[in-house]
Amino acid sequence: MGDLDGSACESCGRAAVPAEPSCGACGGEVAPRAFTPEGTVMSVTRVRVPADGGPGPCALVVVQLAAGAQLMASAPEARFDDLAPGRRVRVVLSPIGLQVEPSA
């Protein structure tokens, strides 16, 4: 799998995935940046009844990428028990958005 497209602020260095049109922290200009998809689970929540007919049940996962950006991704509910905070994961882009899978 490839890198994730994002951005980094040229003023304060804040990283974001997906890319933002301007920095969400200081309002500064951003430059495109590619991020490696490996990161650490910061938080995980089980969603039993998805909104608007989305896929579910599933887990919503906040991931801190190694390069500093935080993002939210999903995972099938079957993987919920493998996604405790501190667990190393890989973020992949799927047809339904960003998803996580446990790292080997």
C-alpha atoms as a PDB file:
ATOM      1  CA  MET A   1       0.000   0.000   0.000  1.00  0.00           C
ATOM      2  CA  GLY A   2       1.110   3.545  -0.666  1.00  0.00           C
ATOM      3  CA  ASP A   3       1.452   6.705   1.304  1.00  0.00           C
ATOM      4  CA  LEU A   4      -1.485   8.829   2.449  1.00  0.00           C
ATOM      5  CA  ASP A   5      -1.952  12.276   0.908  1.00  0.00           C
ATOM      6  CA  GLY A   6      -2.076  15.102   3.416  1.00  0.00           C
ATOM      7  CA  SER A   7      -0.706  18.532   4.162  1.00  0.00           C
ATOM      8  CA  ALA A   8       1.669  20.265   6.548  1.00  0.00           C
ATOM      9  CA  CYS A   9       1.517  23.873   7.711  1.00  0.00           C
ATOM     10  CA  GLU A  10       4.426  25.989   6.540  1.00  0.00           C
ATOM     11  CA  SER A  11       4.158  28.186   9.681  1.00  0.00           C
ATOM     12  CA  CYS A  12       3.515  25.896  12.668  1.00  0.00           C
ATOM     13  CA  GLY A  13       4.186  22.455  11.134  1.00  0.00           C
ATOM     14  CA  ARG A  14       0.756  20.955  11.960  1.00  0.00           C
ATOM     15  CA  ALA A  15       0.175  17.840   9.869  1.00  0.00           C
ATOM     16  CA  ALA A  16      -3.221  16.772   8.518  1.00  0.00           C
ATOM     17  CA  VAL A  17      -4.663  13.779   6.664  1.00  0.00           C
ATOM     18  CA  PRO A  18      -6.595  14.324   4.475  1.00  0.00           C
ATOM     19  CA  ALA A  19      -5.069  17.543   3.195  1.00  0.00           C
ATOM     20  CA  GLU A  20      -6.560  20.828   4.418  1.00  0.00           C
ATOM     21  CA  PRO A  21      -6.852  24.061   2.368  1.00  0.00           C
ATOM     22  CA  SER A  22      -5.272  26.009   5.254  1.00  0.00           C
ATOM     23  CA  CYS A  23      -3.923  25.144   8.699  1.00  0.00           C
ATOM     24  CA  GLY A  24      -6.636  24.241  11.189  1.00  0.00           C
ATOM     25  CA  ALA A  25      -4.446  25.428  14.068  1.00  0.00           C
ATOM     26  CA  CYS A  26      -2.992  28.783  12.952  1.00  0.00           C
ATOM     27  CA  GLY A  27      -4.660  29.516   9.605  1.00  0.00           C
ATOM     28  CA  GLY A  28      -1.305  29.448   7.809  1.00  0.00           C
ATOM     29  CA  GLU A  29      -0.588  28.186   4.321  1.00  0.00           C
ATOM     30  CA  VAL A  30      -0.109  24.459   3.854  1.00  0.00           C
ATOM     31  CA  ALA A  31       1.959  22.390   1.463  1.00  0.00           C
ATOM     32  CA  PRO A  32       1.082  18.909   0.148  1.00  0.00           C
ATOM     33  CA  ARG A  33       2.789  16.086   2.012  1.00  0.00           C
ATOM     34  CA  ALA A  34       2.744  12.296   1.815  1.00  0.00           C
ATOM     35  CA  PHE A  35       2.565  10.318   5.056  1.00  0.00           C
ATOM     36  CA  THR A  36       3.501   6.708   5.659  1.00  0.00           C
ATOM     37  CA  PRO A  37       0.382   4.785   6.704  1.00  0.00           C
ATOM     38  CA  GLU A  38       1.762   3.275   9.927  1.00  0.00           C
ATOM     39  CA  GLY A  39       0.545   4.641  13.237  1.00  0.00           C
ATOM     40  CA  THR A  40      -0.720   3.988  16.753  1.00  0.00           C
ATOM     41  CA  VAL A  41      -4.316   3.686  17.967  1.00  0.00           C
ATOM     42  CA  MET A  42      -5.134   6.581  20.294  1.00  0.00           C
ATOM     43  CA  SER A  43      -8.844   5.833  20.801  1.00  0.00           C
ATOM     44  CA  VAL A  44     -11.430   3.364  19.548  1.00  0.00           C
ATOM     45  CA  THR A  45     -15.241   3.416  19.708  1.00  0.00           C
ATOM     46  CA  ARG A  46     -17.682   0.685  18.715  1.00  0.00           C
ATOM     47  CA  VAL A  47     -20.559   1.882  16.515  1.00  0.00           C
ATOM     48  CA  ARG A  48     -23.490  -0.520  16.701  1.00  0.00           C
ATOM     49  CA  VAL A  49     -26.059   1.507  14.720  1.00  0.00           C
ATOM     50  CA  PRO A  50     -24.416   3.510  11.910  1.00  0.00           C
ATOM     51  CA  ALA A  51     -25.838   6.845  10.793  1.00  0.00           C
ATOM     52  CA  ASP A  52     -27.352   7.339   7.349  1.00  0.00           C
ATOM     53  CA  GLY A  53     -27.199   3.684   6.365  1.00  0.00           C
ATOM     54  CA  GLY A  54     -23.396   3.551   6.492  1.00  0.00           C
ATOM     55  CA  PRO A  55     -21.461   0.340   6.978  1.00  0.00           C
ATOM     56  CA  GLY A  56     -21.827  -1.196  10.368  1.00  0.00           C
ATOM     57  CA  PRO A  57     -21.523  -2.271  12.939  1.00  0.00           C
ATOM     58  CA  CYS A  58     -17.965  -1.033  12.908  1.00  0.00           C
ATOM     59  CA  ALA A  59     -15.256   0.628  14.986  1.00  0.00           C
ATOM     60  CA  LEU A  60     -14.181   4.268  14.668  1.00  0.00           C
ATOM     61  CA  VAL A  61     -10.483   4.622  15.380  1.00  0.00           C
ATOM     62  CA  VAL A  62      -8.343   7.707  16.030  1.00  0.00           C
ATOM     63  CA  VAL A  63      -4.819   7.005  14.753  1.00  0.00           C
ATOM     64  CA  GLN A  64      -1.651   9.019  15.393  1.00  0.00           C
ATOM     65  CA  LEU A  65       0.585   8.537  12.353  1.00  0.00           C
ATOM     66  CA  ALA A  66       4.312   8.202  12.923  1.00  0.00           C
ATOM     67  CA  ALA A  67       4.858  11.614  11.247  1.00  0.00           C
ATOM     68  CA  GLY A  68       2.483  13.354  13.663  1.00  0.00           C
ATOM     69  CA  ALA A  69      -0.858  13.682  11.870  1.00  0.00           C
ATOM     70  CA  GLN A  70      -3.956  12.335  13.599  1.00  0.00           C
ATOM     71  CA  LEU A  71      -6.871  10.955  11.616  1.00  0.00           C
ATOM     72  CA  MET A  72     -10.100   9.061  12.080  1.00  0.00           C
ATOM     73  CA  ALA A  73     -10.656   5.802  10.239  1.00  0.00           C
ATOM     74  CA  SER A  74     -12.998   2.838  10.508  1.00  0.00           C
ATOM     75  CA  ALA A  75     -12.572  -0.883  10.925  1.00  0.00           C
ATOM     76  CA  PRO A  76     -14.957  -3.827  10.678  1.00  0.00           C
ATOM     77  CA  GLU A  77     -16.435  -4.709  14.077  1.00  0.00           C
ATOM     78  CA  ALA A  78     -14.739  -8.112  13.851  1.00  0.00           C
ATOM     79  CA  ARG A  79     -11.412  -6.307  14.447  1.00  0.00           C
ATOM     80  CA  PHE A  80     -12.608  -4.292  17.461  1.00  0.00           C
ATOM     81  CA  ASP A  81     -10.765  -6.418  20.024  1.00  0.00           C
ATOM     82  CA  ASP A  82      -7.494  -6.041  18.053  1.00  0.00           C
ATOM     83  CA  LEU A  83      -7.609  -2.228  18.190  1.00  0.00           C
ATOM     84  CA  ALA A  84      -6.857  -1.233  21.769  1.00  0.00           C
ATOM     85  CA  PRO A  85      -5.094   2.102  22.399  1.00  0.00           C
ATOM     86  CA  GLY A  86      -1.354   1.719  21.877  1.00  0.00           C
ATOM     87  CA  ARG A  87      -1.767  -0.934  19.186  1.00  0.00           C
ATOM     88  CA  ARG A  88       0.270  -0.436  16.000  1.00  0.00           C
ATOM     89  CA  VAL A  89      -1.885  -0.278  12.863  1.00  0.00           C
ATOM     90  CA  ARG A  90      -1.694   0.493   9.169  1.00  0.00           C
ATOM     91  CA  VAL A  91      -4.158   2.916   7.532  1.00  0.00           C
ATOM     92  CA  VAL A  92      -5.401   2.001   4.064  1.00  0.00           C
ATOM     93  CA  LEU A  93      -7.657   3.828   1.624  1.00  0.00           C
ATOM     94  CA  SER A  94     -10.655   1.708   0.683  1.00  0.00           C
ATOM     95  CA  PRO A  95     -13.746   2.417  -1.452  1.00  0.00           C
ATOM     96  CA  ILE A  96     -15.576   3.546   1.724  1.00  0.00           C
ATOM     97  CA  GLY A  97     -12.766   5.745   3.070  1.00  0.00           C
ATOM     98  CA  LEU A  98      -9.833   5.322   5.437  1.00  0.00           C
ATOM     99  CA  GLN A  99      -9.718   1.998   7.245  1.00  0.00           C
ATOM    100  CA  VAL A 100      -7.279   0.468   9.706  1.00  0.00           C
ATOM    101  CA  GLU A 101      -5.819  -2.987   9.894  1.00  0.00           C
ATOM    102  CA  PRO A 102      -3.550  -4.349  12.601  1.00  0.00           C
ATOM    103  CA  SER A 103       0.166  -4.241  11.744  1.00  0.00           C
ATOM    104  CA  ALA A 104       1.919  -7.556  11.428  1.00  0.00           C
END
